[in-house]
Amino acid sequence: MNDTDARLWHPWLRINRVLRVMLQTRWSAEARPRVKAEFTKALALRSQIRRAGRFN
């Protein structure tokens, strides 16, 4: 894995991609509760990474 690949797969970027897809997709009424739960988990993980100071 080269430097460019490593940056593209940084946890922060992966989580942001997931959040973007979740927000842009139209979910069925049956899927919404599960998507909402996963969205909440992804936001918490993003906050945890931010607090850890990986970019410093």
PDB file of N, CA and C in Angstrom:
ATOM      1  N   MET A   1       0.856  -1.174   0.000  1.00  0.00           N
ATOM      2  CA  MET A   1       0.000   0.000   0.000  1.00  0.00           C
ATOM      3  C   MET A   1       0.902   1.236   0.000  1.00  0.00           C
ATOM      4  N   ASN A   2       0.685   2.119  -0.950  1.00  0.00           N
ATOM      5  CA  ASN A   2       1.499   3.335  -1.003  1.00  0.00           C
ATOM      6  C   ASN A   2       0.865   4.434  -0.156  1.00  0.00           C
ATOM      7  N   ASP A   3       1.522   5.593  -0.071  1.00  0.00           N
ATOM      8  CA  ASP A   3       1.049   6.690   0.774  1.00  0.00           C
ATOM      9  C   ASP A   3      -0.330   7.192   0.352  1.00  0.00           C
ATOM     10  N   THR A   4      -0.562   7.274  -0.943  1.00  0.00           N
ATOM     11  CA  THR A   4      -1.857   7.761  -1.428  1.00  0.00           C
ATOM     12  C   THR A   4      -2.973   6.819  -1.013  1.00  0.00           C
ATOM     13  N   ASP A   5      -2.756   5.528  -1.152  1.00  0.00           N
ATOM     14  CA  ASP A   5      -3.771   4.560  -0.747  1.00  0.00           C
ATOM     15  C   ASP A   5      -4.039   4.640   0.752  1.00  0.00           C
ATOM     16  N   ALA A   6      -3.001   4.802   1.522  1.00  0.00           N
ATOM     17  CA  ALA A   6      -3.167   4.884   2.969  1.00  0.00           C
ATOM     18  C   ALA A   6      -4.002   6.095   3.360  1.00  0.00           C
ATOM     19  N   ARG A   7      -3.786   7.227   2.697  1.00  0.00           N
ATOM     20  CA  ARG A   7      -4.580   8.421   3.011  1.00  0.00           C
ATOM     21  C   ARG A   7      -6.029   8.246   2.592  1.00  0.00           C
ATOM     22  N   LEU A   8      -6.260   7.587   1.461  1.00  0.00           N
ATOM     23  CA  LEU A   8      -7.627   7.393   0.986  1.00  0.00           C
ATOM     24  C   LEU A   8      -8.434   6.485   1.909  1.00  0.00           C
ATOM     25  N   TRP A   9      -7.762   5.606   2.610  1.00  0.00           N
ATOM     26  CA  TRP A   9      -8.462   4.672   3.481  1.00  0.00           C
ATOM     27  C   TRP A   9      -8.320   5.027   4.954  1.00  0.00           C
ATOM     28  N   HIS A  10      -7.983   6.276   5.242  1.00  0.00           N
ATOM     29  CA  HIS A  10      -7.915   6.721   6.626  1.00  0.00           C
ATOM     30  C   HIS A  10      -9.308   6.579   7.246  1.00  0.00           C
ATOM     31  N   PRO A  11      -9.402   6.146   8.490  1.00  0.00           N
ATOM     32  CA  PRO A  11     -10.719   5.944   9.116  1.00  0.00           C
ATOM     33  C   PRO A  11     -11.634   7.174   9.026  1.00  0.00           C
ATOM     34  N   TRP A  12     -11.078   8.355   9.179  1.00  0.00           N
ATOM     35  CA  TRP A  12     -11.877   9.578   9.111  1.00  0.00           C
ATOM     36  C   TRP A  12     -12.571   9.690   7.742  1.00  0.00           C
ATOM     37  N   LEU A  13     -11.833   9.440   6.676  1.00  0.00           N
ATOM     38  CA  LEU A  13     -12.411   9.549   5.338  1.00  0.00           C
ATOM     39  C   LEU A  13     -13.421   8.444   5.071  1.00  0.00           C
ATOM     40  N   ARG A  14     -13.142   7.258   5.546  1.00  0.00           N
ATOM     41  CA  ARG A  14     -14.079   6.159   5.351  1.00  0.00           C
ATOM     42  C   ARG A  14     -15.405   6.442   6.030  1.00  0.00           C
ATOM     43  N   ILE A  15     -15.350   6.968   7.247  1.00  0.00           N
ATOM     44  CA  ILE A  15     -16.585   7.283   7.974  1.00  0.00           C
ATOM     45  C   ILE A  15     -17.336   8.404   7.272  1.00  0.00           C
ATOM     46  N   ASN A  16     -16.630   9.418   6.803  1.00  0.00           N
ATOM     47  CA  ASN A  16     -17.299  10.509   6.101  1.00  0.00           C
ATOM     48  C   ASN A  16     -17.967  10.017   4.815  1.00  0.00           C
ATOM     49  N   ARG A  17     -17.346   9.083   4.121  1.00  0.00           N
ATOM     50  CA  ARG A  17     -17.966   8.511   2.918  1.00  0.00           C
ATOM     51  C   ARG A  17     -19.239   7.769   3.268  1.00  0.00           C
ATOM     52  N   VAL A  18     -19.196   7.000   4.333  1.00  0.00           N
ATOM     53  CA  VAL A  18     -20.382   6.250   4.763  1.00  0.00           C
ATOM     54  C   VAL A  18     -21.509   7.212   5.132  1.00  0.00           C
ATOM     55  N   LEU A  19     -21.177   8.257   5.882  1.00  0.00           N
ATOM     56  CA  LEU A  19     -22.199   9.228   6.271  1.00  0.00           C
ATOM     57  C   LEU A  19     -22.808   9.896   5.045  1.00  0.00           C
ATOM     58  N   ARG A  20     -21.982  10.249   4.073  1.00  0.00           N
ATOM     59  CA  ARG A  20     -22.477  10.899   2.857  1.00  0.00           C
ATOM     60  C   ARG A  20     -23.443   9.991   2.105  1.00  0.00           C
ATOM     61  N   VAL A  21     -23.092   8.720   1.970  1.00  0.00           N
ATOM     62  CA  VAL A  21     -23.967   7.777   1.278  1.00  0.00           C
ATOM     63  C   VAL A  21     -25.276   7.604   2.037  1.00  0.00           C
ATOM     64  N   MET A  22     -25.182   7.528   3.355  1.00  0.00           N
ATOM     65  CA  MET A  22     -26.396   7.359   4.154  1.00  0.00           C
ATOM     66  C   MET A  22     -27.339   8.549   3.990  1.00  0.00           C
ATOM     67  N   LEU A  23     -26.790   9.730   3.896  1.00  0.00           N
ATOM     68  CA  LEU A  23     -27.626  10.924   3.763  1.00  0.00           C
ATOM     69  C   LEU A  23     -28.196  11.073   2.355  1.00  0.00           C
ATOM     70  N   GLN A  24     -27.498  10.602   1.344  1.00  0.00           N
ATOM     71  CA  GLN A  24     -27.927  10.794  -0.034  1.00  0.00           C
ATOM     72  C   GLN A  24     -28.854   9.693  -0.547  1.00  0.00           C
ATOM     73  N   THR A  25     -28.970   8.608   0.184  1.00  0.00           N
ATOM     74  CA  THR A  25     -29.780   7.482  -0.257  1.00  0.00           C
ATOM     75  C   THR A  25     -31.190   7.603   0.302  1.00  0.00           C
ATOM     76  N   ARG A  26     -32.160   7.273  -0.527  1.00  0.00           N
ATOM     77  CA  ARG A  26     -33.552   7.206  -0.048  1.00  0.00           C
ATOM     78  C   ARG A  26     -33.774   5.811   0.532  1.00  0.00           C
ATOM     79  N   TRP A  27     -34.117   5.776   1.800  1.00  0.00           N
ATOM     80  CA  TRP A  27     -34.286   4.507   2.486  1.00  0.00           C
ATOM     81  C   TRP A  27     -35.770   4.194   2.618  1.00  0.00           C
ATOM     82  N   SER A  28     -36.112   2.929   2.575  1.00  0.00           N
ATOM     83  CA  SER A  28     -37.504   2.517   2.763  1.00  0.00           C
ATOM     84  C   SER A  28     -37.889   2.716   4.225  1.00  0.00           C
ATOM     85  N   ALA A  29     -39.173   2.712   4.471  1.00  0.00           N
ATOM     86  CA  ALA A  29     -39.671   2.897   5.840  1.00  0.00           C
ATOM     87  C   ALA A  29     -39.178   1.785   6.763  1.00  0.00           C
ATOM     88  N   GLU A  30     -39.017   0.587   6.219  1.00  0.00           N
ATOM     89  CA  GLU A  30     -38.554  -0.535   7.037  1.00  0.00           C
ATOM     90  C   GLU A  30     -37.079  -0.397   7.388  1.00  0.00           C
ATOM     91  N   ALA A  31     -36.296   0.188   6.497  1.00  0.00           N
ATOM     92  CA  ALA A  31     -34.848   0.293   6.707  1.00  0.00           C
ATOM     93  C   ALA A  31     -34.465   1.508   7.543  1.00  0.00           C
ATOM     94  N   ARG A  32     -35.311   2.516   7.615  1.00  0.00           N
ATOM     95  CA  ARG A  32     -34.948   3.766   8.296  1.00  0.00           C
ATOM     96  C   ARG A  32     -34.493   3.605   9.742  1.00  0.00           C
ATOM     97  N   PRO A  33     -35.186   2.830  10.569  1.00  0.00           N
ATOM     98  CA  PRO A  33     -34.710   2.701  11.965  1.00  0.00           C
ATOM     99  C   PRO A  33     -33.303   2.117  12.062  1.00  0.00           C
ATOM    100  N   ARG A  34     -33.018   1.133  11.233  1.00  0.00           N
ATOM    101  CA  ARG A  34     -31.691   0.519  11.268  1.00  0.00           C
ATOM    102  C   ARG A  34     -30.626   1.487  10.751  1.00  0.00           C
ATOM    103  N   VAL A  35     -30.947   2.211   9.679  1.00  0.00           N
ATOM    104  CA  VAL A  35     -30.007   3.186   9.126  1.00  0.00           C
ATOM    105  C   VAL A  35     -29.747   4.294  10.141  1.00  0.00           C
ATOM    106  N   LYS A  36     -30.796   4.730  10.819  1.00  0.00           N
ATOM    107  CA  LYS A  36     -30.633   5.774  11.831  1.00  0.00           C
ATOM    108  C   LYS A  36     -29.703   5.314  12.954  1.00  0.00           C
ATOM    109  N   ALA A  37     -29.844   4.072  13.383  1.00  0.00           N
ATOM    110  CA  ALA A  37     -28.975   3.536  14.432  1.00  0.00           C
ATOM    111  C   ALA A  37     -27.524   3.482  13.961  1.00  0.00           C
ATOM    112  N   GLU A  38     -27.310   3.022  12.739  1.00  0.00           N
ATOM    113  CA  GLU A  38     -25.951   2.952  12.197  1.00  0.00           C
ATOM    114  C   GLU A  38     -25.368   4.347  11.990  1.00  0.00           C
ATOM    115  N   PHE A  39     -26.203   5.291  11.592  1.00  0.00           N
ATOM    116  CA  PHE A  39     -25.762   6.671  11.404  1.00  0.00           C
ATOM    117  C   PHE A  39     -25.284   7.253  12.735  1.00  0.00           C
ATOM    118  N   THR A  40     -26.038   6.982  13.787  1.00  0.00           N
ATOM    119  CA  THR A  40     -25.658   7.459  15.128  1.00  0.00           C
ATOM    120  C   THR A  40     -24.315   6.864  15.554  1.00  0.00           C
ATOM    121  N   LYS A  41     -24.109   5.589  15.279  1.00  0.00           N
ATOM    122  CA  LYS A  41     -22.837   4.937  15.619  1.00  0.00           C
ATOM    123  C   LYS A  41     -21.681   5.563  14.829  1.00  0.00           C
ATOM    124  N   ALA A  42     -21.917   5.835  13.561  1.00  0.00           N
ATOM    125  CA  ALA A  42     -20.868   6.424  12.721  1.00  0.00           C
ATOM    126  C   ALA A  42     -20.513   7.832  13.199  1.00  0.00           C
ATOM    127  N   LEU A  43     -21.513   8.611  13.597  1.00  0.00           N
ATOM    128  CA  LEU A  43     -21.239   9.950  14.133  1.00  0.00           C
ATOM    129  C   LEU A  43     -20.427   9.873  15.424  1.00  0.00           C
ATOM    130  N   ALA A  44     -20.765   8.919  16.275  1.00  0.00           N
ATOM    131  CA  ALA A  44     -20.020   8.759  17.524  1.00  0.00           C
ATOM    132  C   ALA A  44     -18.575   8.349  17.244  1.00  0.00           C
ATOM    133  N   LEU A  45     -18.383   7.473  16.285  1.00  0.00           N
ATOM    134  CA  LEU A  45     -17.027   7.043  15.937  1.00  0.00           C
ATOM    135  C   LEU A  45     -16.224   8.195  15.346  1.00  0.00           C
ATOM    136  N   ARG A  46     -16.866   9.019  14.516  1.00  0.00           N
ATOM    137  CA  ARG A  46     -16.186  10.184  13.943  1.00  0.00           C
ATOM    138  C   ARG A  46     -15.762  11.157  15.046  1.00  0.00           C
ATOM    139  N   SER A  47     -16.627  11.365  16.021  1.00  0.00           N
ATOM    140  CA  SER A  47     -16.285  12.237  17.153  1.00  0.00           C
ATOM    141  C   SER A  47     -15.134  11.657  17.967  1.00  0.00           C
ATOM    142  N   GLN A  48     -15.140  10.357  18.141  1.00  0.00           N
ATOM    143  CA  GLN A  48     -14.066   9.696  18.892  1.00  0.00           C
ATOM    144  C   GLN A  48     -12.728   9.871  18.178  1.00  0.00           C
ATOM    145  N   ILE A  49     -12.719   9.725  16.873  1.00  0.00           N
ATOM    146  CA  ILE A  49     -11.480   9.910  16.108  1.00  0.00           C
ATOM    147  C   ILE A  49     -11.014  11.353  16.203  1.00  0.00           C
ATOM    148  N   ARG A  50     -11.953  12.285  16.125  1.00  0.00           N
ATOM    149  CA  ARG A  50     -11.599  13.702  16.218  1.00  0.00           C
ATOM    150  C   ARG A  50     -10.982  14.019  17.581  1.00  0.00           C
ATOM    151  N   ARG A  51     -11.568  13.474  18.643  1.00  0.00           N
ATOM    152  CA  ARG A  51     -11.038  13.722  19.994  1.00  0.00           C
ATOM    153  C   ARG A  51      -9.667  13.087  20.184  1.00  0.00           C
ATOM    154  N   ALA A  52      -9.404  11.983  19.494  1.00  0.00           N
ATOM    155  CA  ALA A  52      -8.121  11.306  19.634  1.00  0.00           C
ATOM    156  C   ALA A  52      -6.988  12.112  19.023  1.00  0.00           C
ATOM    157  N   GLY A  53      -7.312  13.067  18.152  1.00  0.00           N
ATOM    158  CA  GLY A  53      -6.297  13.930  17.597  1.00  0.00           C
ATOM    159  C   GLY A  53      -5.405  13.253  16.578  1.00  0.00           C
ATOM    160  N   ARG A  54      -5.979  12.449  15.708  1.00  0.00           N
ATOM    161  CA  ARG A  54      -5.172  11.746  14.700  1.00  0.00           C
ATOM    162  C   ARG A  54      -4.552  12.675  13.674  1.00  0.00           C
ATOM    163  N   PHE A  55      -5.112  13.870  13.512  1.00  0.00           N
ATOM    164  CA  PHE A  55      -4.578  14.780  12.522  1.00  0.00           C
ATOM    165  C   PHE A  55      -3.478  15.675  13.083  1.00  0.00           C
ATOM    166  N   ASN A  56      -3.253  15.607  14.378  1.00  0.00           N
ATOM    167  CA  ASN A  56      -2.220  16.460  14.986  1.00  0.00           C
ATOM    168  C   ASN A  56      -0.868  15.811  14.918  1.00  0.00           C
TER     169      ASN A  56
END
